[in-house]
Amino acid sequence: MSSLAAEPTAISLTPLESSLFAYLLTVPSPPGSPWTLRVAGGWVRDKLLGHDSSDIDIALDTCTGVAFAERVVEHVERCPPKEEGGERNSKKPKTFATIQSNPSQSKHLETATLNLMGLSLDFVNLRSEEYAEGSRIPEVKFGTAKADALRRDFTVNALFYNLSTSSIEDFTSSGLADLRSKTLRTPLPTTETFLDDPLRLLRAVRFSTRLGFALHPDISAAARDPDVRRGLKEKVRE
């Protein structure tokens, strides 16, 4: 079973990850609109648990994922990344793919994806989500890193790795502690979280089984809530 590294606020990058992140930091931002690049979610969790991960999601604070992907492709054309040995890489991404939002599958924002330096990357902007009463389709807006962390399913999936500072950011204030104790909990009140998106209850069971984490008592209690159970049945039937 995996154990958290002795230094839980530090991540050991592979040489390829180091080169990739250093290169992404050279992509020029628009004048007057600097950005902060963060890796979000599962990659951070897995690296802290000592696992390799190819699930690299880059979260942007001042532009959409599509806009950033366009800048990356332009930058690669002008200044390709270097291969091992210092030679410029001749394999350049000519374009990128766009994954459309799909609210019925709990995917609420357009994502850009491309292959760079042999790794598959997803780009998306930080966001906040607000659910109107009686609706499971949120209003999605640009958000801060904290707002983005709080709207995520579980605290251990809400950690960020800041490329500029090479540091872990825990905006829920619980993610690192929950990773140490192997506990799965939601950043916001659990019953409310599951009523907004009942599929998160299934994800809780899946993550608990895969990672060997215990469900926080609030999750177990919410799973017995009649409204949550009804909402899950309706969601599964969609």
C-alpha atoms as a PDB file:
ATOM      1  CA  MET A   1       0.000   0.000   0.000  1.00  0.00           C
ATOM      2  CA  SER A   2       1.294   3.458  -0.828  1.00  0.00           C
ATOM      3  CA  SER A   3       2.523   5.812   1.874  1.00  0.00           C
ATOM      4  CA  LEU A   4       2.853   9.549   1.709  1.00  0.00           C
ATOM      5  CA  ALA A   5       6.359  10.875   1.199  1.00  0.00           C
ATOM      6  CA  ALA A   6       8.253  12.208   4.208  1.00  0.00           C
ATOM      7  CA  GLU A   7       8.072  15.686   2.677  1.00  0.00           C
ATOM      8  CA  PRO A   8       4.378  15.932   1.696  1.00  0.00           C
ATOM      9  CA  THR A   9       4.701  19.453   0.367  1.00  0.00           C
ATOM     10  CA  ALA A  10       7.340  18.486  -2.207  1.00  0.00           C
ATOM     11  CA  ILE A  11       6.992  16.468  -5.394  1.00  0.00           C
ATOM     12  CA  SER A  12       9.840  14.612  -7.070  1.00  0.00           C
ATOM     13  CA  LEU A  13       9.640  15.271 -10.802  1.00  0.00           C
ATOM     14  CA  THR A  14      10.974  12.964 -13.462  1.00  0.00           C
ATOM     15  CA  PRO A  15      13.504  14.533 -15.842  1.00  0.00           C
ATOM     16  CA  LEU A  16      10.819  14.639 -18.547  1.00  0.00           C
ATOM     17  CA  GLU A  17       8.304  16.332 -16.235  1.00  0.00           C
ATOM     18  CA  SER A  18      10.952  18.896 -15.226  1.00  0.00           C
ATOM     19  CA  SER A  19      11.726  19.667 -18.865  1.00  0.00           C
ATOM     20  CA  LEU A  20       8.057  19.868 -19.799  1.00  0.00           C
ATOM     21  CA  PHE A  21       7.122  22.220 -16.968  1.00  0.00           C
ATOM     22  CA  ALA A  22      10.163  24.420 -17.596  1.00  0.00           C
ATOM     23  CA  TYR A  23       9.179  24.655 -21.260  1.00  0.00           C
ATOM     24  CA  LEU A  24       5.552  25.532 -20.492  1.00  0.00           C
ATOM     25  CA  LEU A  25       6.802  28.398 -18.340  1.00  0.00           C
ATOM     26  CA  THR A  26       8.489  29.862 -21.426  1.00  0.00           C
ATOM     27  CA  VAL A  27       5.195  30.189 -23.305  1.00  0.00           C
ATOM     28  CA  PRO A  28       4.639  33.968 -23.459  1.00  0.00           C
ATOM     29  CA  SER A  29       1.427  35.326 -21.960  1.00  0.00           C
ATOM     30  CA  PRO A  30      -0.490  38.178 -23.611  1.00  0.00           C
ATOM     31  CA  PRO A  31       0.803  41.665 -22.704  1.00  0.00           C
ATOM     32  CA  GLY A  32      -0.662  42.821 -19.402  1.00  0.00           C
ATOM     33  CA  SER A  33      -2.232  39.447 -18.645  1.00  0.00           C
ATOM     34  CA  PRO A  34       0.341  37.198 -16.951  1.00  0.00           C
ATOM     35  CA  TRP A  35      -0.800  33.734 -15.994  1.00  0.00           C
ATOM     36  CA  THR A  36       0.004  31.200 -13.325  1.00  0.00           C
ATOM     37  CA  LEU A  37       0.266  27.583 -14.448  1.00  0.00           C
ATOM     38  CA  ARG A  38      -0.791  24.847 -12.054  1.00  0.00           C
ATOM     39  CA  VAL A  39      -1.123  21.097 -12.389  1.00  0.00           C
ATOM     40  CA  ALA A  40      -4.433  20.116 -10.841  1.00  0.00           C
ATOM     41  CA  GLY A  41      -6.021  17.085  -9.289  1.00  0.00           C
ATOM     42  CA  GLY A  42      -5.096  13.463  -9.800  1.00  0.00           C
ATOM     43  CA  TRP A  43      -1.483  13.949 -10.903  1.00  0.00           C
ATOM     44  CA  VAL A  44      -0.679  15.850  -7.698  1.00  0.00           C
ATOM     45  CA  ARG A  45      -2.400  13.246  -5.528  1.00  0.00           C
ATOM     46  CA  ASP A  46      -0.683  10.326  -7.251  1.00  0.00           C
ATOM     47  CA  LYS A  47       2.790  11.888  -7.189  1.00  0.00           C
ATOM     48  CA  LEU A  48       2.475  12.579  -3.463  1.00  0.00           C
ATOM     49  CA  LEU A  49       1.485   8.937  -2.970  1.00  0.00           C
ATOM     50  CA  GLY A  50       4.649   7.891  -4.785  1.00  0.00           C
ATOM     51  CA  HIS A  51       2.926   6.787  -7.995  1.00  0.00           C
ATOM     52  CA  ASP A  52       3.886   7.681 -11.529  1.00  0.00           C
ATOM     53  CA  SER A  53       1.144   9.571 -13.330  1.00  0.00           C
ATOM     54  CA  SER A  54       0.523  10.625 -16.914  1.00  0.00           C
ATOM     55  CA  ASP A  55      -2.718  12.449 -16.030  1.00  0.00           C
ATOM     56  CA  ILE A  56      -1.416  16.011 -16.399  1.00  0.00           C
ATOM     57  CA  ASP A  57      -4.147  18.661 -16.257  1.00  0.00           C
ATOM     58  CA  ILE A  58      -2.896  22.244 -16.490  1.00  0.00           C
ATOM     59  CA  ALA A  59      -5.198  24.828 -14.903  1.00  0.00           C
ATOM     60  CA  LEU A  60      -5.027  28.457 -16.090  1.00  0.00           C
ATOM     61  CA  ASP A  61      -6.092  31.500 -14.090  1.00  0.00           C
ATOM     62  CA  THR A  62      -6.381  34.220 -16.758  1.00  0.00           C
ATOM     63  CA  CYS A  63      -7.380  32.441 -19.972  1.00  0.00           C
ATOM     64  CA  THR A  64      -9.248  29.421 -21.246  1.00  0.00           C
ATOM     65  CA  GLY A  65      -7.559  26.105 -21.923  1.00  0.00           C
ATOM     66  CA  VAL A  66      -8.213  26.530 -25.637  1.00  0.00           C
ATOM     67  CA  ALA A  67      -6.573  29.965 -25.703  1.00  0.00           C
ATOM     68  CA  PHE A  68      -3.513  28.634 -23.872  1.00  0.00           C
ATOM     69  CA  ALA A  69      -3.242  25.614 -26.187  1.00  0.00           C
ATOM     70  CA  GLU A  70      -3.214  28.002 -29.148  1.00  0.00           C
ATOM     71  CA  ARG A  71      -0.317  29.910 -27.557  1.00  0.00           C
ATOM     72  CA  VAL A  72       1.553  26.647 -26.904  1.00  0.00           C
ATOM     73  CA  VAL A  73       1.249  25.537 -30.531  1.00  0.00           C
ATOM     74  CA  GLU A  74       2.437  28.961 -31.740  1.00  0.00           C
ATOM     75  CA  HIS A  75       5.362  28.882 -29.315  1.00  0.00           C
ATOM     76  CA  VAL A  76       6.408  25.385 -30.379  1.00  0.00           C
ATOM     77  CA  GLU A  77       6.478  26.519 -33.995  1.00  0.00           C
ATOM     78  CA  ARG A  78       8.826  29.389 -33.102  1.00  0.00           C
ATOM     79  CA  CYS A  79      10.892  27.646 -30.452  1.00  0.00           C
ATOM     80  CA  PRO A  80      10.571  23.841 -30.308  1.00  0.00           C
ATOM     81  CA  PRO A  81      11.444  22.165 -27.004  1.00  0.00           C
ATOM     82  CA  LYS A  82      14.866  20.575 -26.761  1.00  0.00           C
ATOM     83  CA  GLU A  83      15.390  16.839 -26.809  1.00  0.00           C
ATOM     84  CA  GLU A  84      17.861  15.080 -24.561  1.00  0.00           C
ATOM     85  CA  GLY A  85      21.283  16.225 -25.690  1.00  0.00           C
ATOM     86  CA  GLY A  86      20.185  19.760 -26.496  1.00  0.00           C
ATOM     87  CA  GLU A  87      18.819  19.257 -30.003  1.00  0.00           C
ATOM     88  CA  ARG A  88      15.532  20.905 -30.922  1.00  0.00           C
ATOM     89  CA  ASN A  89      12.632  18.446 -31.090  1.00  0.00           C
ATOM     90  CA  SER A  90      11.369  18.113 -34.633  1.00  0.00           C
ATOM     91  CA  LYS A  91       8.048  16.546 -33.542  1.00  0.00           C
ATOM     92  CA  LYS A  92       5.786  19.558 -33.144  1.00  0.00           C
ATOM     93  CA  PRO A  93       2.078  19.550 -32.349  1.00  0.00           C
ATOM     94  CA  LYS A  94       0.412  21.128 -35.376  1.00  0.00           C
ATOM     95  CA  THR A  95      -2.858  21.563 -33.590  1.00  0.00           C
ATOM     96  CA  PHE A  96      -4.782  20.432 -30.536  1.00  0.00           C
ATOM     97  CA  ALA A  97      -8.061  18.699 -29.849  1.00  0.00           C
ATOM     98  CA  THR A  98     -11.002  20.264 -28.073  1.00  0.00           C
ATOM     99  CA  ILE A  99     -13.154  18.212 -25.719  1.00  0.00           C
ATOM    100  CA  GLN A 100     -16.575  19.836 -25.526  1.00  0.00           C
ATOM    101  CA  SER A 101     -18.425  20.309 -22.261  1.00  0.00           C
ATOM    102  CA  ASN A 102     -20.954  17.605 -21.424  1.00  0.00           C
ATOM    103  CA  PRO A 103     -23.030  18.556 -18.364  1.00  0.00           C
ATOM    104  CA  SER A 104     -24.959  15.266 -18.402  1.00  0.00           C
ATOM    105  CA  GLN A 105     -21.626  13.514 -17.684  1.00  0.00           C
ATOM    106  CA  SER A 106     -20.602  16.095 -15.065  1.00  0.00           C
ATOM    107  CA  LYS A 107     -18.145  17.738 -17.471  1.00  0.00           C
ATOM    108  CA  HIS A 108     -19.011  21.405 -17.392  1.00  0.00           C
ATOM    109  CA  LEU A 109     -16.181  23.110 -19.232  1.00  0.00           C
ATOM    110  CA  GLU A 110     -14.460  22.866 -22.598  1.00  0.00           C
ATOM    111  CA  THR A 111     -10.980  21.346 -22.426  1.00  0.00           C
ATOM    112  CA  ALA A 112      -8.058  21.531 -24.877  1.00  0.00           C
ATOM    113  CA  THR A 113      -5.737  18.552 -25.176  1.00  0.00           C
ATOM    114  CA  LEU A 114      -2.449  18.091 -27.028  1.00  0.00           C
ATOM    115  CA  ASN A 115       0.653  15.938 -27.007  1.00  0.00           C
ATOM    116  CA  LEU A 116       3.887  17.703 -26.123  1.00  0.00           C
ATOM    117  CA  MET A 117       7.290  16.116 -25.560  1.00  0.00           C
ATOM    118  CA  GLY A 118       5.638  12.706 -25.643  1.00  0.00           C
ATOM    119  CA  LEU A 119       3.140  13.524 -22.898  1.00  0.00           C
ATOM    120  CA  SER A 120      -0.599  14.103 -23.236  1.00  0.00           C
ATOM    121  CA  LEU A 121      -1.732  17.367 -21.629  1.00  0.00           C
ATOM    122  CA  ASP A 122      -5.166  18.802 -20.866  1.00  0.00           C
ATOM    123  CA  PHE A 123      -5.633  22.555 -20.478  1.00  0.00           C
ATOM    124  CA  VAL A 124      -8.603  24.169 -18.744  1.00  0.00           C
ATOM    125  CA  ASN A 125      -9.241  27.395 -16.864  1.00  0.00           C
ATOM    126  CA  LEU A 126      -9.826  27.639 -13.132  1.00  0.00           C
ATOM    127  CA  ARG A 127     -13.515  27.968 -12.411  1.00  0.00           C
ATOM    128  CA  SER A 128     -16.238  28.372  -9.863  1.00  0.00           C
ATOM    129  CA  GLU A 129     -19.557  26.555 -10.036  1.00  0.00           C
ATOM    130  CA  GLU A 130     -22.870  27.700  -8.614  1.00  0.00           C
ATOM    131  CA  TYR A 131     -25.948  25.482  -8.589  1.00  0.00           C
ATOM    132  CA  ALA A 132     -29.403  27.041  -8.704  1.00  0.00           C
ATOM    133  CA  GLU A 133     -31.981  25.426  -6.441  1.00  0.00           C
ATOM    134  CA  GLY A 134     -33.381  22.308  -8.054  1.00  0.00           C
ATOM    135  CA  SER A 135     -30.783  22.233 -10.843  1.00  0.00           C
ATOM    136  CA  ARG A 136     -27.822  19.873 -11.285  1.00  0.00           C
ATOM    137  CA  ILE A 137     -26.347  21.934 -14.125  1.00  0.00           C
ATOM    138  CA  PRO A 138     -24.101  24.607 -12.559  1.00  0.00           C
ATOM    139  CA  GLU A 139     -23.440  28.108 -13.748  1.00  0.00           C
ATOM    140  CA  VAL A 140     -19.733  28.023 -14.555  1.00  0.00           C
ATOM    141  CA  LYS A 141     -17.545  31.114 -14.291  1.00  0.00           C
ATOM    142  CA  PHE A 142     -13.848  31.937 -14.216  1.00  0.00           C
ATOM    143  CA  GLY A 143     -12.689  31.385 -10.667  1.00  0.00           C
ATOM    144  CA  THR A 144      -9.762  31.656  -8.322  1.00  0.00           C
ATOM    145  CA  ALA A 145      -7.594  28.695  -7.423  1.00  0.00           C
ATOM    146  CA  LYS A 146      -9.391  28.480  -4.079  1.00  0.00           C
ATOM    147  CA  ALA A 147     -12.840  28.524  -5.694  1.00  0.00           C
ATOM    148  CA  ASP A 148     -11.702  25.820  -8.119  1.00  0.00           C
ATOM    149  CA  ALA A 149     -10.381  23.677  -5.272  1.00  0.00           C
ATOM    150  CA  LEU A 150     -13.561  23.996  -3.239  1.00  0.00           C
ATOM    151  CA  ARG A 151     -15.825  22.937  -6.121  1.00  0.00           C
ATOM    152  CA  ARG A 152     -13.898  19.661  -6.622  1.00  0.00           C
ATOM    153  CA  ASP A 153     -15.181  16.270  -5.502  1.00  0.00           C
ATOM    154  CA  PHE A 154     -12.708  15.407  -2.731  1.00  0.00           C
ATOM    155  CA  THR A 155      -9.993  17.269  -0.856  1.00  0.00           C
ATOM    156  CA  VAL A 156      -7.250  14.879  -2.005  1.00  0.00           C
ATOM    157  CA  ASN A 157      -8.214  15.706  -5.602  1.00  0.00           C
ATOM    158  CA  ALA A 158      -8.199  19.454  -4.923  1.00  0.00           C
ATOM    159  CA  LEU A 159      -4.435  19.937  -4.555  1.00  0.00           C
ATOM    160  CA  PHE A 160      -2.423  22.018  -7.022  1.00  0.00           C
ATOM    161  CA  TYR A 161       1.219  21.993  -8.052  1.00  0.00           C
ATOM    162  CA  ASN A 162       2.347  25.520  -8.918  1.00  0.00           C
ATOM    163  CA  LEU A 163       4.843  25.369 -11.791  1.00  0.00           C
ATOM    164  CA  SER A 164       6.376  28.761 -11.006  1.00  0.00           C
ATOM    165  CA  THR A 165       7.075  28.075  -7.327  1.00  0.00           C
ATOM    166  CA  SER A 166       7.448  24.274  -7.550  1.00  0.00           C
ATOM    167  CA  SER A 167       5.166  24.023  -4.534  1.00  0.00           C
ATOM    168  CA  ILE A 168       1.987  22.229  -3.469  1.00  0.00           C
ATOM    169  CA  GLU A 169      -1.044  24.441  -2.848  1.00  0.00           C
ATOM    170  CA  ASP A 170      -3.781  23.146  -0.541  1.00  0.00           C
ATOM    171  CA  PHE A 171      -6.603  25.689  -0.724  1.00  0.00           C
ATOM    172  CA  THR A 172      -9.068  23.441   1.132  1.00  0.00           C
ATOM    173  CA  SER A 173      -6.622  23.280   4.082  1.00  0.00           C
ATOM    174  CA  SER A 174      -7.528  19.582   4.391  1.00  0.00           C
ATOM    175  CA  GLY A 175      -6.132  17.879   1.301  1.00  0.00           C
ATOM    176  CA  LEU A 176      -2.636  17.116   2.583  1.00  0.00           C
ATOM    177  CA  ALA A 177      -3.909  16.031   6.002  1.00  0.00           C
ATOM    178  CA  ASP A 178      -6.497  13.755   4.384  1.00  0.00           C
ATOM    179  CA  LEU A 179      -3.822  12.298   2.112  1.00  0.00           C
ATOM    180  CA  ARG A 180      -1.688  11.482   5.165  1.00  0.00           C
ATOM    181  CA  SER A 181      -4.590   9.874   7.027  1.00  0.00           C
ATOM    182  CA  LYS A 182      -5.931   8.180   3.863  1.00  0.00           C
ATOM    183  CA  THR A 183      -9.331   9.764   4.269  1.00  0.00           C
ATOM    184  CA  LEU A 184     -11.781  10.681   1.537  1.00  0.00           C
ATOM    185  CA  ARG A 185     -13.851  13.769   2.306  1.00  0.00           C
ATOM    186  CA  THR A 186     -15.539  16.549   0.340  1.00  0.00           C
ATOM    187  CA  PRO A 187     -14.262  20.153   0.462  1.00  0.00           C
ATOM    188  CA  LEU A 188     -17.783  21.529   1.035  1.00  0.00           C
ATOM    189  CA  PRO A 189     -20.718  20.090   3.053  1.00  0.00           C
ATOM    190  CA  THR A 190     -21.084  16.515   1.849  1.00  0.00           C
ATOM    191  CA  THR A 191     -24.848  16.153   1.456  1.00  0.00           C
ATOM    192  CA  GLU A 192     -25.013  19.427  -0.470  1.00  0.00           C
ATOM    193  CA  THR A 193     -22.098  18.295  -2.650  1.00  0.00           C
ATOM    194  CA  PHE A 194     -23.780  14.993  -3.523  1.00  0.00           C
ATOM    195  CA  LEU A 195     -27.150  16.629  -4.164  1.00  0.00           C
ATOM    196  CA  ASP A 196     -25.453  18.975  -6.647  1.00  0.00           C
ATOM    197  CA  ASP A 197     -23.775  16.024  -8.411  1.00  0.00           C
ATOM    198  CA  PRO A 198     -24.965  12.597  -7.206  1.00  0.00           C
ATOM    199  CA  LEU A 199     -22.372  10.804  -9.364  1.00  0.00           C
ATOM    200  CA  ARG A 200     -19.782  11.931  -6.823  1.00  0.00           C
ATOM    201  CA  LEU A 201     -21.102   9.254  -4.500  1.00  0.00           C
ATOM    202  CA  LEU A 202     -20.090   6.587  -7.019  1.00  0.00           C
ATOM    203  CA  ARG A 203     -16.712   8.248  -7.427  1.00  0.00           C
ATOM    204  CA  ALA A 204     -16.263   8.146  -3.640  1.00  0.00           C
ATOM    205  CA  VAL A 205     -16.703   4.368  -3.651  1.00  0.00           C
ATOM    206  CA  ARG A 206     -14.394   3.999  -6.650  1.00  0.00           C
ATOM    207  CA  PHE A 207     -11.602   6.144  -5.183  1.00  0.00           C
ATOM    208  CA  SER A 208     -11.934   4.522  -1.766  1.00  0.00           C
ATOM    209  CA  THR A 209     -11.521   1.078  -3.311  1.00  0.00           C
ATOM    210  CA  ARG A 210      -8.703   2.026  -5.689  1.00  0.00           C
ATOM    211  CA  LEU A 211      -6.658   4.073  -3.218  1.00  0.00           C
ATOM    212  CA  GLY A 212      -7.470   2.130  -0.059  1.00  0.00           C
ATOM    213  CA  PHE A 213      -8.820   5.271   1.608  1.00  0.00           C
ATOM    214  CA  ALA A 214     -11.491   5.351   4.311  1.00  0.00           C
ATOM    215  CA  LEU A 215     -14.698   7.251   3.658  1.00  0.00           C
ATOM    216  CA  HIS A 216     -15.196  10.182   6.003  1.00  0.00           C
ATOM    217  CA  PRO A 217     -18.271   9.638   8.220  1.00  0.00           C
ATOM    218  CA  ASP A 218     -20.003  12.536   6.463  1.00  0.00           C
ATOM    219  CA  ILE A 219     -19.837  10.606   3.172  1.00  0.00           C
ATOM    220  CA  SER A 220     -21.301   7.499   4.768  1.00  0.00           C
ATOM    221  CA  ALA A 221     -24.093   9.598   6.269  1.00  0.00           C
ATOM    222  CA  ALA A 222     -24.815  11.378   2.977  1.00  0.00           C
ATOM    223  CA  ALA A 223     -25.000   8.027   1.177  1.00  0.00           C
ATOM    224  CA  ARG A 224     -27.989   7.162   3.362  1.00  0.00           C
ATOM    225  CA  ASP A 225     -29.780  10.433   2.667  1.00  0.00           C
ATOM    226  CA  PRO A 226     -33.040   9.710   0.757  1.00  0.00           C
ATOM    227  CA  ASP A 227     -32.663  12.768  -1.477  1.00  0.00           C
ATOM    228  CA  VAL A 228     -29.094  11.822  -2.414  1.00  0.00           C
ATOM    229  CA  ARG A 229     -30.130   8.232  -3.186  1.00  0.00           C
ATOM    230  CA  ARG A 230     -33.055   9.464  -5.282  1.00  0.00           C
ATOM    231  CA  GLY A 231     -30.845  11.910  -7.147  1.00  0.00           C
ATOM    232  CA  LEU A 232     -28.291   9.182  -7.881  1.00  0.00           C
ATOM    233  CA  LYS A 233     -30.949   6.895  -9.330  1.00  0.00           C
ATOM    234  CA  GLU A 234     -32.188   9.687 -11.581  1.00  0.00           C
ATOM    235  CA  LYS A 235     -28.648  10.534 -12.690  1.00  0.00           C
ATOM    236  CA  VAL A 236     -27.780   6.925 -13.511  1.00  0.00           C
ATOM    237  CA  ARG A 237     -30.931   6.616 -15.624  1.00  0.00           C
ATOM    238  CA  GLU A 238     -30.043   9.687 -17.740  1.00  0.00           C
END
